[in-house]
Amino acid sequence: MSYVPRESVFKNGDSIFKVTLLAARRAIELNDGAQKLIETTTKKFSTIALEEIGQGKVRYKIKDKKA
C-alpha cells in the first residue's frame, strides 16, 4: 500500500475539503482513461490523484463569482 505524506498534499495551506474534492475528481478522470501525470507503482486511482496533487501536477482553480 502506498503512503502519501499529508505535508506534501497540504504544503500550500489548502483546505482539506478542497483537496478531497480535487482528488476525487482527478481519480474519476483517471478511471475514465486520463493519462497519469507522474511515474508511480501504484494502481489505485485515488492514490495516484493524491500523489499528483502532492507533486504540484494537479491544482484547483477558484472561479470568480459574478453577481
Protein backbone atom coordinates (compact mmCIF):
# COMPACT_ATOMS: atom_id res chain seq x y z
CA MET A 1 0.00 0.00 0.00
CA SER A 2 1.27 3.45 -0.91
CA TYR A 3 1.58 6.25 1.58
CA VAL A 4 1.16 9.89 0.58
CA PRO A 5 2.56 12.25 3.23
CA ARG A 6 -0.01 14.74 4.44
CA GLU A 7 2.60 17.52 4.37
CA SER A 8 3.12 17.14 0.63
CA VAL A 9 -0.60 17.41 -0.11
CA PHE A 10 -1.23 20.39 2.17
CA LYS A 11 2.06 22.27 1.71
CA ASN A 12 0.26 25.31 0.26
CA GLY A 13 -2.14 25.59 3.20
CA ASP A 14 -5.02 24.16 1.21
CA SER A 15 -8.32 23.20 2.73
CA ILE A 16 -8.87 19.50 3.35
CA PHE A 17 -12.29 19.85 1.72
CA LYS A 18 -10.88 21.38 -1.47
CA VAL A 19 -8.14 18.76 -1.69
CA THR A 20 -10.67 15.96 -1.12
CA LEU A 21 -12.88 17.22 -3.94
CA LEU A 22 -9.91 17.73 -6.23
CA ALA A 23 -8.57 14.23 -5.56
CA ALA A 24 -11.98 12.67 -6.11
CA ARG A 25 -12.46 14.48 -9.42
CA ARG A 26 -8.95 13.58 -10.58
CA ALA A 27 -9.46 9.93 -9.59
CA ILE A 28 -12.64 9.87 -11.70
CA GLU A 29 -10.70 11.33 -14.64
CA LEU A 30 -8.04 8.64 -14.25
CA ASN A 31 -10.71 5.95 -14.04
CA ASP A 32 -12.22 7.30 -17.27
CA GLY A 33 -8.91 6.90 -19.09
CA ALA A 34 -6.92 10.10 -18.46
CA GLN A 35 -3.14 9.76 -18.58
CA LYS A 36 -1.15 9.78 -15.33
CA LEU A 37 0.96 12.90 -14.86
CA ILE A 38 3.57 11.14 -12.70
CA GLU A 39 5.51 7.90 -12.61
CA THR A 40 4.23 5.65 -9.84
CA THR A 41 3.99 1.98 -8.99
CA THR A 42 0.51 2.12 -7.51
CA LYS A 43 -2.59 1.19 -9.48
CA LYS A 44 -5.14 2.89 -7.21
CA PHE A 45 -6.58 5.99 -8.83
CA SER A 46 -7.19 7.75 -5.51
CA THR A 47 -3.54 7.34 -4.50
CA ILE A 48 -2.30 8.46 -7.91
CA ALA A 49 -4.51 11.55 -7.65
CA LEU A 50 -3.10 12.42 -4.20
CA GLU A 51 0.47 11.90 -5.42
CA GLU A 52 -0.19 14.19 -8.39
CA ILE A 53 -1.57 16.86 -6.05
CA GLY A 54 1.42 16.44 -3.71
CA GLN A 55 3.86 16.93 -6.59
CA GLY A 56 2.01 20.02 -7.81
CA LYS A 57 0.90 18.44 -11.11
CA VAL A 58 -2.80 18.92 -10.35
CA ARG A 59 -4.24 22.09 -8.85
CA TYR A 60 -7.64 23.61 -8.43
CA LYS A 61 -8.79 26.94 -9.77
CA ILE A 62 -11.39 29.02 -7.98
CA LYS A 63 -13.85 30.70 -10.33
CA ASP A 64 -14.80 34.31 -9.75
CA LYS A 65 -18.40 34.67 -8.61
CA LYS A 66 -20.26 37.30 -10.59
CA ALA A 67 -23.48 38.72 -9.24
